[in-house]
């Protein structure tokens, strides 16, 4: 009898974890402003599969979980844990939150352009930091 109760507890925990994971996948996707269609294209699976993952009707494979974490720019642990929310993890300050809110309204093409610009700024920042460091040492 004790083993049967233990198995029921394990099943309950597993079901709760699956629900939590499904909810986290949906919340993170929505927070990033990604459509199910976009995520499906990135993972090369049908859109209906994304819907099934987010409603708990289909379990997430380990490969898919890694792909989703990569796409969502978060860790697998974040997707599996119940701690912080997507907003907590992704938006560290008011400026970042404002950027995310604005980005959600953009077309996919505009998002890609914004990403390229952000990467350019990051590289330009590194370049100006390097030239500052170099000039500090040459004086």
N, C-alpha and C. Protein backbone atom coordinates (compact mmCIF):
# COMPACT_ATOMS: atom_id res chain seq x y z
N UNK A 1 0.83 -1.19 0.00
CA UNK A 1 0.00 0.00 0.00
C UNK A 1 0.88 1.26 0.00
N UNK A 2 1.95 1.22 0.78
CA UNK A 2 2.84 2.36 0.87
C UNK A 2 3.46 2.67 -0.50
N UNK A 3 3.86 1.62 -1.24
CA UNK A 3 4.43 1.82 -2.57
C UNK A 3 3.41 2.45 -3.51
N UNK A 4 2.15 2.05 -3.39
CA UNK A 4 1.11 2.60 -4.24
C UNK A 4 0.92 4.10 -3.94
N UNK A 5 0.94 4.47 -2.69
CA UNK A 5 0.80 5.88 -2.33
C UNK A 5 2.01 6.67 -2.82
N UNK A 6 3.19 6.09 -2.72
CA UNK A 6 4.41 6.74 -3.19
C UNK A 6 4.33 6.97 -4.70
N UNK A 7 3.86 5.99 -5.45
CA UNK A 7 3.72 6.13 -6.90
C UNK A 7 2.72 7.22 -7.25
N UNK A 8 1.62 7.31 -6.48
CA UNK A 8 0.63 8.37 -6.71
C UNK A 8 1.25 9.73 -6.46
N UNK A 9 2.07 9.85 -5.41
CA UNK A 9 2.75 11.11 -5.12
C UNK A 9 3.69 11.50 -6.26
N UNK A 10 4.43 10.51 -6.78
CA UNK A 10 5.34 10.78 -7.88
C UNK A 10 4.58 11.25 -9.12
N UNK A 11 3.45 10.59 -9.40
CA UNK A 11 2.65 10.98 -10.55
C UNK A 11 2.11 12.40 -10.38
N UNK A 12 1.65 12.71 -9.18
CA UNK A 12 1.15 14.06 -8.92
C UNK A 12 2.25 15.09 -9.11
N UNK A 13 3.42 14.84 -8.55
CA UNK A 13 4.55 15.76 -8.72
C UNK A 13 4.91 15.92 -10.19
N UNK A 14 4.91 14.81 -10.90
CA UNK A 14 5.25 14.84 -12.31
C UNK A 14 4.22 15.66 -13.10
N UNK A 15 2.94 15.47 -12.77
CA UNK A 15 1.88 16.23 -13.44
C UNK A 15 2.00 17.72 -13.13
N UNK A 16 2.29 18.03 -11.88
CA UNK A 16 2.46 19.44 -11.48
C UNK A 16 3.65 20.06 -12.20
N UNK A 17 4.74 19.32 -12.30
CA UNK A 17 5.93 19.82 -12.99
C UNK A 17 5.64 20.04 -14.47
N UNK A 18 4.89 19.12 -15.08
CA UNK A 18 4.54 19.26 -16.49
C UNK A 18 3.67 20.50 -16.70
N UNK A 19 2.70 20.71 -15.81
CA UNK A 19 1.85 21.90 -15.90
C UNK A 19 2.67 23.17 -15.76
N UNK A 20 3.60 23.16 -14.80
CA UNK A 20 4.45 24.32 -14.56
C UNK A 20 5.33 24.61 -15.79
N UNK A 21 5.91 23.56 -16.36
CA UNK A 21 6.74 23.71 -17.54
C UNK A 21 5.92 24.25 -18.71
N UNK A 22 4.74 23.70 -18.91
CA UNK A 22 3.88 24.16 -20.01
C UNK A 22 3.54 25.63 -19.84
N UNK A 23 3.19 26.01 -18.62
CA UNK A 23 2.85 27.41 -18.33
C UNK A 23 4.07 28.31 -18.56
N UNK A 24 5.23 27.87 -18.09
CA UNK A 24 6.45 28.66 -18.24
C UNK A 24 6.80 28.84 -19.73
N UNK A 25 6.63 27.79 -20.52
CA UNK A 25 6.91 27.90 -21.95
C UNK A 25 6.00 28.94 -22.60
N UNK A 26 4.72 28.88 -22.28
CA UNK A 26 3.76 29.82 -22.86
C UNK A 26 4.05 31.25 -22.40
N UNK A 27 4.24 31.44 -21.09
CA UNK A 27 4.49 32.78 -20.55
C UNK A 27 5.76 33.39 -21.14
N UNK A 28 6.80 32.60 -21.27
CA UNK A 28 8.06 33.11 -21.79
C UNK A 28 7.91 33.49 -23.26
N UNK A 29 7.26 32.62 -24.04
CA UNK A 29 7.03 32.92 -25.46
C UNK A 29 6.22 34.20 -25.61
N UNK A 30 5.15 34.32 -24.84
CA UNK A 30 4.30 35.50 -24.93
C UNK A 30 5.05 36.75 -24.47
N UNK A 31 5.84 36.62 -23.41
CA UNK A 31 6.60 37.77 -22.92
C UNK A 31 7.57 38.28 -23.98
N UNK A 32 8.18 37.36 -24.70
CA UNK A 32 9.12 37.75 -25.75
C UNK A 32 8.41 38.25 -27.00
N UNK A 33 7.09 38.05 -27.05
CA UNK A 33 6.33 38.52 -28.20
C UNK A 33 6.42 37.59 -29.40
N UNK A 34 6.82 36.35 -29.18
CA UNK A 34 6.91 35.38 -30.26
C UNK A 34 5.56 34.72 -30.49
N UNK A 35 5.22 34.49 -31.73
CA UNK A 35 4.01 33.73 -32.04
C UNK A 35 4.33 32.24 -31.97
N UNK A 36 3.30 31.44 -31.80
CA UNK A 36 3.51 29.98 -31.83
C UNK A 36 4.06 29.58 -33.20
N UNK A 37 3.61 30.24 -34.24
CA UNK A 37 4.08 29.94 -35.60
C UNK A 37 5.59 30.19 -35.71
N UNK A 38 6.05 31.30 -35.17
CA UNK A 38 7.48 31.63 -35.22
C UNK A 38 8.30 30.57 -34.48
N UNK A 39 7.87 30.20 -33.28
CA UNK A 39 8.59 29.20 -32.49
C UNK A 39 8.60 27.86 -33.23
N UNK A 40 7.47 27.50 -33.80
CA UNK A 40 7.37 26.24 -34.54
C UNK A 40 8.34 26.23 -35.71
N UNK A 41 8.42 27.34 -36.42
CA UNK A 41 9.36 27.43 -37.55
C UNK A 41 10.80 27.28 -37.07
N UNK A 42 11.13 27.92 -35.96
CA UNK A 42 12.50 27.86 -35.44
C UNK A 42 12.88 26.44 -35.01
N UNK A 43 11.90 25.70 -34.47
CA UNK A 43 12.15 24.34 -34.00
C UNK A 43 11.89 23.29 -35.09
N UNK A 44 11.34 23.76 -36.21
CA UNK A 44 11.01 22.89 -37.33
C UNK A 44 10.02 21.79 -36.93
N UNK A 45 8.97 22.22 -36.21
CA UNK A 45 7.88 21.33 -35.83
C UNK A 45 6.56 22.04 -36.14
N UNK A 46 5.45 21.32 -36.22
CA UNK A 46 4.16 21.96 -36.52
C UNK A 46 3.73 22.92 -35.40
N UNK A 47 3.01 23.98 -35.78
CA UNK A 47 2.51 24.94 -34.80
C UNK A 47 1.64 24.27 -33.75
N UNK A 48 0.86 23.28 -34.20
CA UNK A 48 -0.01 22.55 -33.26
C UNK A 48 0.81 21.88 -32.15
N UNK A 49 2.04 21.51 -32.45
CA UNK A 49 2.91 20.89 -31.43
C UNK A 49 3.28 21.91 -30.36
N UNK A 50 3.51 23.15 -30.77
CA UNK A 50 3.81 24.20 -29.79
C UNK A 50 2.60 24.41 -28.89
N UNK A 51 1.43 24.46 -29.48
CA UNK A 51 0.20 24.61 -28.71
C UNK A 51 0.05 23.45 -27.71
N UNK A 52 0.31 22.23 -28.19
CA UNK A 52 0.19 21.05 -27.32
C UNK A 52 1.22 21.08 -26.19
N UNK A 53 2.43 21.59 -26.46
CA UNK A 53 3.46 21.71 -25.42
C UNK A 53 3.01 22.71 -24.35
N UNK A 54 2.42 23.80 -24.81
CA UNK A 54 2.04 24.87 -23.89
C UNK A 54 0.76 24.58 -23.10
N UNK A 55 -0.01 23.61 -23.55
CA UNK A 55 -1.21 23.23 -22.81
C UNK A 55 -1.01 21.94 -22.03
N UNK A 56 0.16 21.34 -22.17
CA UNK A 56 0.46 20.11 -21.44
C UNK A 56 -0.08 18.86 -22.09
N UNK A 57 -0.60 18.98 -23.30
CA UNK A 57 -1.14 17.82 -24.01
C UNK A 57 -0.03 16.98 -24.63
N UNK A 58 1.16 17.57 -24.72
CA UNK A 58 2.31 16.87 -25.29
C UNK A 58 3.52 17.19 -24.42
N UNK A 59 4.32 16.18 -24.12
CA UNK A 59 5.52 16.39 -23.32
C UNK A 59 6.64 16.94 -24.18
N UNK A 60 7.50 17.71 -23.55
CA UNK A 60 8.63 18.33 -24.22
C UNK A 60 9.81 17.37 -24.18
N UNK A 61 10.41 17.12 -25.33
CA UNK A 61 11.61 16.28 -25.35
C UNK A 61 12.79 17.10 -24.84
N UNK A 62 13.84 16.43 -24.45
CA UNK A 62 15.02 17.14 -23.94
C UNK A 62 15.65 17.99 -25.04
N UNK A 63 15.62 17.50 -26.27
CA UNK A 63 16.16 18.27 -27.40
C UNK A 63 15.34 19.53 -27.61
N UNK A 64 14.01 19.40 -27.57
CA UNK A 64 13.14 20.56 -27.74
C UNK A 64 13.33 21.56 -26.61
N UNK A 65 13.50 21.06 -25.39
CA UNK A 65 13.70 21.94 -24.24
C UNK A 65 14.97 22.76 -24.42
N UNK A 66 16.03 22.14 -24.89
CA UNK A 66 17.28 22.85 -25.15
C UNK A 66 17.10 23.88 -26.26
N UNK A 67 16.39 23.49 -27.31
CA UNK A 67 16.15 24.42 -28.42
C UNK A 67 15.32 25.62 -27.96
N UNK A 68 14.30 25.36 -27.15
CA UNK A 68 13.46 26.45 -26.64
C UNK A 68 14.27 27.38 -25.74
N UNK A 69 15.09 26.81 -24.88
CA UNK A 69 15.93 27.64 -24.00
C UNK A 69 16.85 28.52 -24.84
N UNK A 70 17.43 27.95 -25.88
CA UNK A 70 18.32 28.72 -26.76
C UNK A 70 17.54 29.84 -27.44
N UNK A 71 16.38 29.51 -27.99
CA UNK A 71 15.55 30.49 -28.68
C UNK A 71 15.09 31.59 -27.74
N UNK A 72 14.72 31.22 -26.52
CA UNK A 72 14.21 32.18 -25.54
C UNK A 72 15.33 32.87 -24.77
N UNK A 73 16.58 32.49 -25.08
CA UNK A 73 17.75 33.06 -24.43
C UNK A 73 17.67 32.96 -22.90
N UNK A 74 17.38 31.76 -22.45
CA UNK A 74 17.33 31.48 -21.02
C UNK A 74 17.91 30.09 -20.80
N UNK A 75 18.04 29.71 -19.57
CA UNK A 75 18.58 28.38 -19.26
C UNK A 75 17.45 27.35 -19.23
N UNK A 76 17.82 26.10 -19.41
CA UNK A 76 16.87 25.01 -19.27
C UNK A 76 16.34 25.01 -17.83
N UNK A 77 17.23 25.30 -16.88
CA UNK A 77 16.82 25.33 -15.47
C UNK A 77 15.72 26.36 -15.24
N UNK A 78 15.82 27.51 -15.90
CA UNK A 78 14.78 28.54 -15.76
C UNK A 78 13.44 27.98 -16.21
N UNK A 79 13.42 27.26 -17.33
CA UNK A 79 12.17 26.72 -17.85
C UNK A 79 11.61 25.64 -16.93
N UNK A 80 12.46 24.93 -16.24
CA UNK A 80 12.02 23.83 -15.38
C UNK A 80 11.66 24.26 -13.96
N UNK A 81 12.20 25.38 -13.50
CA UNK A 81 11.99 25.80 -12.12
C UNK A 81 10.77 26.70 -11.99
N UNK A 82 10.26 26.78 -10.77
CA UNK A 82 9.08 27.60 -10.55
C UNK A 82 9.39 28.97 -9.98
N UNK A 83 10.65 29.26 -9.76
CA UNK A 83 11.04 30.51 -9.12
C UNK A 83 10.62 31.76 -9.85
N UNK A 84 11.59 32.46 -10.42
CA UNK A 84 11.32 33.75 -11.02
C UNK A 84 10.46 33.64 -12.27
N UNK A 85 9.78 34.73 -12.59
CA UNK A 85 8.95 34.76 -13.79
C UNK A 85 9.80 35.14 -14.99
N UNK A 86 9.23 35.00 -16.17
CA UNK A 86 9.94 35.40 -17.38
C UNK A 86 10.32 36.87 -17.31
N UNK A 87 9.41 37.69 -16.82
CA UNK A 87 9.70 39.12 -16.72
C UNK A 87 10.86 39.37 -15.76
N UNK A 88 10.88 38.65 -14.63
CA UNK A 88 11.97 38.81 -13.67
C UNK A 88 13.31 38.47 -14.31
N UNK A 89 13.32 37.37 -15.05
CA UNK A 89 14.57 36.91 -15.62
C UNK A 89 15.02 37.78 -16.78
N UNK A 90 14.08 38.17 -17.62
CA UNK A 90 14.44 38.84 -18.86
C UNK A 90 14.54 40.35 -18.74
N UNK A 91 13.86 40.93 -17.79
CA UNK A 91 13.84 42.38 -17.69
C UNK A 91 14.45 42.83 -16.37
N UNK A 92 15.72 43.19 -16.43
CA UNK A 92 16.45 43.51 -15.22
C UNK A 92 16.23 44.93 -14.74
N UNK A 93 15.89 45.85 -15.62
CA UNK A 93 15.66 47.22 -15.19
C UNK A 93 14.58 47.86 -16.06
N UNK A 94 14.22 49.09 -15.76
CA UNK A 94 13.12 49.76 -16.44
C UNK A 94 13.38 49.92 -17.93
N UNK A 95 14.60 50.21 -18.32
CA UNK A 95 14.92 50.40 -19.73
C UNK A 95 14.75 49.10 -20.50
N UNK A 96 15.22 48.01 -19.93
CA UNK A 96 15.10 46.71 -20.59
C UNK A 96 13.63 46.33 -20.70
N UNK A 97 12.85 46.57 -19.65
CA UNK A 97 11.41 46.27 -19.71
C UNK A 97 10.73 47.08 -20.81
N UNK A 98 11.09 48.36 -20.92
CA UNK A 98 10.52 49.21 -21.95
C UNK A 98 10.89 48.71 -23.35
N UNK A 99 12.13 48.27 -23.50
CA UNK A 99 12.55 47.72 -24.79
C UNK A 99 11.75 46.47 -25.14
N UNK A 100 11.54 45.58 -24.16
CA UNK A 100 10.77 44.37 -24.41
C UNK A 100 9.33 44.71 -24.79
N UNK A 101 8.72 45.65 -24.06
CA UNK A 101 7.33 46.01 -24.38
C UNK A 101 7.24 46.57 -25.79
N UNK A 102 8.18 47.42 -26.17
CA UNK A 102 8.19 48.01 -27.50
C UNK A 102 8.44 46.95 -28.56
N UNK A 103 9.38 46.06 -28.28
CA UNK A 103 9.74 45.02 -29.24
C UNK A 103 8.57 44.11 -29.58
N UNK A 104 7.71 43.86 -28.60
CA UNK A 104 6.58 42.95 -28.83
C UNK A 104 5.65 43.46 -29.91
N UNK A 105 5.63 44.79 -30.12
CA UNK A 105 4.74 45.38 -31.11
C UNK A 105 5.34 45.39 -32.53
N UNK A 106 6.60 45.02 -32.65
CA UNK A 106 7.29 45.08 -33.94
C UNK A 106 7.05 43.83 -34.77
N UNK A 107 7.19 43.99 -36.08
CA UNK A 107 7.12 42.84 -36.98
C UNK A 107 8.39 42.01 -36.79
N UNK A 108 8.38 40.79 -37.26
CA UNK A 108 9.56 39.94 -37.14
C UNK A 108 10.75 40.56 -37.87
N UNK A 109 10.49 41.15 -39.02
CA UNK A 109 11.57 41.80 -39.79
C UNK A 109 12.17 42.96 -38.99
N UNK A 110 11.31 43.77 -38.36
CA UNK A 110 11.80 44.88 -37.55
C UNK A 110 12.56 44.39 -36.33
N UNK A 111 12.12 43.27 -35.74
CA UNK A 111 12.83 42.70 -34.60
C UNK A 111 14.23 42.29 -35.00
N UNK A 112 14.35 41.68 -36.17
CA UNK A 112 15.66 41.26 -36.64
C UNK A 112 16.56 42.47 -36.86
N UNK A 113 16.00 43.54 -37.41
CA UNK A 113 16.77 44.76 -37.61
C UNK A 113 17.19 45.36 -36.27
N UNK A 114 16.28 45.37 -35.31
CA UNK A 114 16.61 45.86 -33.97
C UNK A 114 17.72 45.02 -33.34
N UNK A 115 17.66 43.72 -33.52
CA UNK A 115 18.69 42.84 -33.00
C UNK A 115 20.04 43.16 -33.62
N UNK A 116 20.07 43.33 -34.95
CA UNK A 116 21.34 43.67 -35.61
C UNK A 116 21.89 45.01 -35.09
N UNK A 117 20.99 45.97 -34.87
CA UNK A 117 21.42 47.27 -34.36
C UNK A 117 21.99 47.13 -32.94
N UNK A 118 21.31 46.36 -32.11
CA UNK A 118 21.78 46.14 -30.74
C UNK A 118 23.16 45.48 -30.76
N UNK A 119 23.34 44.50 -31.65
CA UNK A 119 24.64 43.84 -31.76
C UNK A 119 25.71 44.82 -32.23
N UNK A 120 25.33 45.69 -33.17
CA UNK A 120 26.25 46.72 -33.64
C UNK A 120 26.66 47.63 -32.48
N UNK A 121 25.67 48.08 -31.69
CA UNK A 121 25.96 48.96 -30.55
C UNK A 121 26.87 48.26 -29.54
N UNK A 122 26.61 46.98 -29.30
CA UNK A 122 27.44 46.24 -28.36
C UNK A 122 28.88 46.19 -28.85
N UNK A 123 29.04 45.90 -30.15
CA UNK A 123 30.39 45.85 -30.72
C UNK A 123 31.04 47.23 -30.71
N UNK A 124 30.27 48.26 -31.03
CA UNK A 124 30.81 49.63 -31.02
C UNK A 124 31.22 50.01 -29.61
N UNK A 125 30.45 49.58 -28.63
CA UNK A 125 30.80 49.84 -27.23
C UNK A 125 32.10 49.19 -26.85
N UNK A 126 32.28 47.94 -27.32
CA UNK A 126 33.54 47.25 -27.05
C UNK A 126 34.70 47.97 -27.72
N UNK A 127 34.46 48.43 -28.95
CA UNK A 127 35.52 49.11 -29.68
C UNK A 127 35.90 50.42 -28.99
N UNK A 128 34.89 51.20 -28.57
CA UNK A 128 35.23 52.47 -27.91
C UNK A 128 35.88 52.22 -26.55
N UNK A 129 35.47 51.18 -25.85
CA UNK A 129 36.08 50.82 -24.56
C UNK A 129 37.54 50.43 -24.78
N UNK A 130 37.78 49.66 -25.87
CA UNK A 130 39.15 49.26 -26.16
C UNK A 130 40.02 50.47 -26.49
N UNK A 131 39.47 51.41 -27.27
CA UNK A 131 40.28 52.59 -27.62
C UNK A 131 40.51 53.46 -26.39
N UNK A 132 39.53 53.54 -25.47
CA UNK A 132 39.74 54.28 -24.22
C UNK A 132 40.84 53.62 -23.40
N UNK A 133 40.78 52.29 -23.29
CA UNK A 133 41.80 51.57 -22.52
C UNK A 133 43.18 51.77 -23.13
N UNK A 134 43.26 51.74 -24.46
CA UNK A 134 44.53 51.91 -25.15
C UNK A 134 45.07 53.31 -24.94
N UNK A 135 44.19 54.31 -25.05
CA UNK A 135 44.66 55.70 -24.86
C UNK A 135 45.09 55.95 -23.42
N UNK A 136 44.45 55.29 -22.45
CA UNK A 136 44.85 55.42 -21.06
C UNK A 136 46.29 54.92 -20.84
N UNK A 137 46.63 53.87 -21.57
CA UNK A 137 47.95 53.26 -21.37
C UNK A 137 49.05 53.97 -22.16
N UNK A 138 48.66 54.72 -23.20
CA UNK A 138 49.68 55.36 -24.04
C UNK A 138 50.05 56.73 -23.54
N UNK A 139 49.30 57.29 -22.60
CA UNK A 139 49.58 58.65 -22.10
C UNK A 139 50.69 58.63 -21.08
